[in-house]
Every structure is written in structure tokens, then in C-alpha cells.
C-alpha atoms as a PDB file:
ATOM      1  CA  UNK A   1    -177.301   0.085  89.174  1.00  0.00           C
ATOM      2  CA  UNK A   2    -176.586   4.373  90.028  1.00  0.00           C
ATOM      3  CA  UNK A   3    -172.952   3.850  90.059  1.00  0.00           C
ATOM      4  CA  UNK A   4    -172.025   1.693  87.414  1.00  0.00           C
ATOM      5  CA  UNK A   5    -174.928   4.042  85.277  1.00  0.00           C
ATOM      6  CA  UNK A   6    -172.479   7.119  86.267  1.00  0.00           C
ATOM      7  CA  UNK A   7    -169.393   5.421  85.542  1.00  0.00           C
ATOM      8  CA  UNK A   8    -170.237   3.981  82.199  1.00  0.00           C
ATOM      9  CA  UNK A   9    -172.118   7.577  81.429  1.00  0.00           C
ATOM     10  CA  UNK A  10    -168.394   8.963  81.499  1.00  0.00           C
ATOM     11  CA  UNK A  11    -166.327   6.304  80.958  1.00  0.00           C
ATOM     12  CA  UNK A  12    -168.352   6.634  77.038  1.00  0.00           C
ATOM     13  CA  UNK A  13    -168.125  10.028  76.794  1.00  0.00           C
ATOM     14  CA  UNK A  14    -164.151  10.365  77.347  1.00  0.00           C
ATOM     15  CA  UNK A  15    -163.894   7.714  74.854  1.00  0.00           C
ATOM     16  CA  UNK A  16    -166.822  10.209  72.526  1.00  0.00           C
ATOM     17  CA  UNK A  17    -164.537  13.082  72.746  1.00  0.00           C
ATOM     18  CA  UNK A  18    -161.460  11.084  71.546  1.00  0.00           C
ATOM     19  CA  UNK A  19    -162.933   9.683  68.721  1.00  0.00           C
ATOM     20  CA  UNK A  20    -165.040  13.034  68.588  1.00  0.00           C
ATOM     21  CA  UNK A  21    -161.359  14.897  68.072  1.00  0.00           C
ATOM     22  CA  UNK A  22    -160.201  12.698  64.943  1.00  0.00           C
ATOM     23  CA  UNK A  23    -163.687  12.923  64.040  1.00  0.00           C
ATOM     24  CA  UNK A  24    -163.690  16.924  64.192  1.00  0.00           C
ATOM     25  CA  UNK A  25    -160.056  16.943  63.369  1.00  0.00           C
ATOM     26  CA  UNK A  26    -160.918  14.445  59.806  1.00  0.00           C
ATOM     27  CA  UNK A  27    -162.718  17.218  58.737  1.00  0.00           C
ATOM     28  CA  UNK A  28    -160.438  19.746  58.650  1.00  0.00           C
ATOM     29  CA  UNK A  29    -158.213  18.841  57.341  1.00  0.00           C
ATOM     30  CA  UNK A  30    -159.781  17.726  54.186  1.00  0.00           C
ATOM     31  CA  UNK A  31    -161.338  20.883  54.212  1.00  0.00           C
ATOM     32  CA  UNK A  32    -157.556  22.721  54.209  1.00  0.00           C
ATOM     33  CA  UNK A  33    -155.826  19.793  51.970  1.00  0.00           C
ATOM     34  CA  UNK A  34    -158.715  17.958  50.181  1.00  0.00           C
ATOM     35  CA  UNK A  35    -157.011  18.915  47.007  1.00  0.00           C
ATOM     36  CA  UNK A  36    -154.397  16.906  47.938  1.00  0.00           C
ATOM     37  CA  UNK A  37    -154.953  14.476  49.018  1.00  0.00           C
ATOM     38  CA  UNK A  38    -157.188  13.557  45.984  1.00  0.00           C
ATOM     39  CA  UNK A  39    -157.771  10.070  45.694  1.00  0.00           C
ATOM     40  CA  UNK A  40    -156.350   9.360  49.224  1.00  0.00           C
ATOM     41  CA  UNK A  41    -158.380  10.361  51.039  1.00  0.00           C
ATOM     42  CA  UNK A  42    -162.305  11.540  50.700  1.00  0.00           C
ATOM     43  CA  UNK A  43    -164.056  14.247  52.400  1.00  0.00           C
ATOM     44  CA  UNK A  44    -166.800  12.401  54.429  1.00  0.00           C
ATOM     45  CA  UNK A  45    -170.469  13.745  52.675  1.00  0.00           C
ATOM     46  CA  UNK A  46    -172.409  15.191  55.547  1.00  0.00           C
ATOM     47  CA  UNK A  47    -169.439  17.986  57.454  1.00  0.00           C
ATOM     48  CA  UNK A  48    -171.889  19.511  59.857  1.00  0.00           C
ATOM     49  CA  UNK A  49    -173.204  15.955  61.435  1.00  0.00           C
ATOM     50  CA  UNK A  50    -169.696  15.102  62.008  1.00  0.00           C
ATOM     51  CA  UNK A  51    -168.985  17.982  63.605  1.00  0.00           C
ATOM     52  CA  UNK A  52    -172.005  18.072  65.440  1.00  0.00           C
ATOM     53  CA  UNK A  53    -172.240  14.948  67.291  1.00  0.00           C
ATOM     54  CA  UNK A  54    -167.973  15.797  68.393  1.00  0.00           C
ATOM     55  CA  UNK A  55    -169.428  18.437  70.201  1.00  0.00           C
ATOM     56  CA  UNK A  56    -173.105  17.273  71.138  1.00  0.00           C
ATOM     57  CA  UNK A  57    -172.464  14.052  72.017  1.00  0.00           C
ATOM     58  CA  UNK A  58    -169.636  13.583  74.271  1.00  0.00           C
ATOM     59  CA  UNK A  59    -171.114  16.206  76.121  1.00  0.00           C
ATOM     60  CA  UNK A  60    -174.603  14.555  76.332  1.00  0.00           C
ATOM     61  CA  UNK A  61    -172.562  11.176  77.772  1.00  0.00           C
ATOM     62  CA  UNK A  62    -170.536  12.847  80.206  1.00  0.00           C
ATOM     63  CA  UNK A  63    -173.714  15.197  81.256  1.00  0.00           C
ATOM     64  CA  UNK A  64    -175.613  11.646  81.730  1.00  0.00           C
ATOM     65  CA  UNK A  65    -173.671   9.910  83.124  1.00  0.00           C
ATOM     66  CA  UNK A  66    -172.960  12.358  86.113  1.00  0.00           C
ATOM     67  CA  UNK A  67    -177.451  12.545  86.411  1.00  0.00           C
ATOM     68  CA  UNK A  68    -177.797   8.852  86.946  1.00  0.00           C
ATOM     69  CA  UNK A  69    -177.060   9.359  90.747  1.00  0.00           C
ATOM     70  CA  UNK A  70    -180.197  11.822  91.168  1.00  0.00           C
ATOM     71  CA  UNK A  71    -182.152  12.138  87.861  1.00  0.00           C
ATOM     72  CA  UNK A  72    -182.032   8.755  86.541  1.00  0.00           C
ATOM     73  CA  UNK A  73    -184.883   8.691  83.363  1.00  0.00           C
ATOM     74  CA  UNK A  74    -183.302  12.573  82.473  1.00  0.00           C
ATOM     75  CA  UNK A  75    -179.633  10.924  82.402  1.00  0.00           C
ATOM     76  CA  UNK A  76    -180.516   7.243  81.181  1.00  0.00           C
ATOM     77  CA  UNK A  77    -181.584   9.580  77.737  1.00  0.00           C
ATOM     78  CA  UNK A  78    -179.070  11.641  77.618  1.00  0.00           C
ATOM     79  CA  UNK A  79    -176.201   8.549  77.373  1.00  0.00           C
ATOM     80  CA  UNK A  80    -178.890   7.298  74.610  1.00  0.00           C
ATOM     81  CA  UNK A  81    -179.431   9.716  72.930  1.00  0.00           C
ATOM     82  CA  UNK A  82    -176.065  10.023  73.031  1.00  0.00           C
ATOM     83  CA  UNK A  83    -175.296   6.650  71.411  1.00  0.00           C
ATOM     84  CA  UNK A  84    -178.054   7.319  68.459  1.00  0.00           C
ATOM     85  CA  UNK A  85    -175.789  10.110  68.210  1.00  0.00           C
ATOM     86  CA  UNK A  86    -172.656   8.569  67.974  1.00  0.00           C
ATOM     87  CA  UNK A  87    -173.554   5.907  65.463  1.00  0.00           C
ATOM     88  CA  UNK A  88    -175.510   8.306  63.061  1.00  0.00           C
ATOM     89  CA  UNK A  89    -172.363  10.510  62.900  1.00  0.00           C
ATOM     90  CA  UNK A  90    -169.506   7.683  62.979  1.00  0.00           C
ATOM     91  CA  UNK A  91    -171.113   4.673  62.373  1.00  0.00           C
ATOM     92  CA  UNK A  92    -170.737   0.978  64.274  1.00  0.00           C
ATOM     93  CA  UNK A  93    -166.108   0.444  64.275  1.00  0.00           C
ATOM     94  CA  UNK A  94    -163.544  -0.807  65.997  1.00  0.00           C
ATOM     95  CA  UNK A  95    -163.267   2.603  67.600  1.00  0.00           C
ATOM     96  CA  UNK A  96    -166.601   3.828  68.125  1.00  0.00           C
ATOM     97  CA  UNK A  97    -168.453   0.108  69.763  1.00  0.00           C
ATOM     98  CA  UNK A  98    -166.701   0.558  73.232  1.00  0.00           C
ATOM     99  CA  UNK A  99    -168.279   4.407  74.195  1.00  0.00           C
ATOM    100  CA  UNK A 100    -171.117   3.598  72.149  1.00  0.00           C
ATOM    101  CA  UNK A 101    -172.529   0.488  73.903  1.00  0.00           C
ATOM    102  CA  UNK A 102    -170.765   1.781  76.955  1.00  0.00           C
ATOM    103  CA  UNK A 103    -173.203   4.521  76.156  1.00  0.00           C
ATOM    104  CA  UNK A 104    -176.074   2.444  75.636  1.00  0.00           C
ATOM    105  CA  UNK A 105    -175.495   0.167  78.479  1.00  0.00           C
ATOM    106  CA  UNK A 106    -175.050   3.316  81.401  1.00  0.00           C
ATOM    107  CA  UNK A 107    -178.527   4.263  79.456  1.00  0.00           C
ATOM    108  CA  UNK A 108    -180.207   0.729  80.224  1.00  0.00           C
ATOM    109  CA  UNK A 109    -178.980   1.091  83.830  1.00  0.00           C
ATOM    110  CA  UNK A 110    -179.513   4.659  84.230  1.00  0.00           C
ATOM    111  CA  UNK A 111    -182.877   3.364  82.974  1.00  0.00           C
ATOM    112  CA  UNK A 112    -183.665   0.269  84.968  1.00  0.00           C
ATOM    113  CA  UNK A 113    -182.764   2.008  88.087  1.00  0.00           C
ATOM    114  CA  UNK A 114    -185.953   2.362  90.341  1.00  0.00           C
ATOM    115  CA  UNK A 115    -184.914   3.308  93.784  1.00  0.00           C
ATOM    116  CA  UNK A 116    -181.861   4.672  94.897  1.00  0.00           C
ATOM    117  CA  UNK A 117    -178.826   2.366  95.969  1.00  0.00           C
ATOM    118  CA  UNK A 118    -177.926   1.274  98.982  1.00  0.00           C
ATOM    119  CA  UNK A 119    -175.314   3.024 100.514  1.00  0.00           C
END
């Protein structure tokens, strides 16, 4: 279970990075060109939340996945925190469902792993 949590956390974090790049980039484009895009696209309500989650949530997922084998409780907590952060900042949608689901499942598997995996 720890190996599955490791893989799910890292893949969820990498997908979260893709979402984060676009989320952060969208806020920058709207800040720079928002006047000329008025009526076509609007700035997000909480820019700082989106920018912060774009950076922090994928790092938490990757760190949690990396810790899943040796420190399963801390790793599982980090992956679950990452999923909560992504859901809070970006919502659950077509581009976020996989990173959120992978982080949740990886976090649950890491927390449920009681003994080291057999070698």
C-alpha cells in the first residue's frame, strides 16, 4: 500500500503542477490584459488563494508521496492536505478531478498502511 501511495502522490502532484501552472498563468494574464479581455474572461475572485495553491498543493502532494514509504502518517496527511487545497482553490472539475482523486486515494492508502510492505 505504501508503494501505491508513493506513486499516486507523485503523479497527483505532477498533474497538480500542470493545473497550478495554468491557474497561476491565468491570474497573471487577467491582471495584465484584463481590461482588453473584459466581457470575454474575468479575473478569479481570490487571486492570492489560486496563486498560493498553485505553488503549495503540488509540493505537498509530491512530498507526501515521497514520504509515504518511510513516514506513512505524515505522507498521507500531506497528500490529503494537498487534495483539500486543490479542491478549495480550483474546485472539482474536469482538469482537477484526477489530481484530487489521486491525492485522496494516496493519502488514504498511506494512512491505512500499518506495517511496512513486504519486500
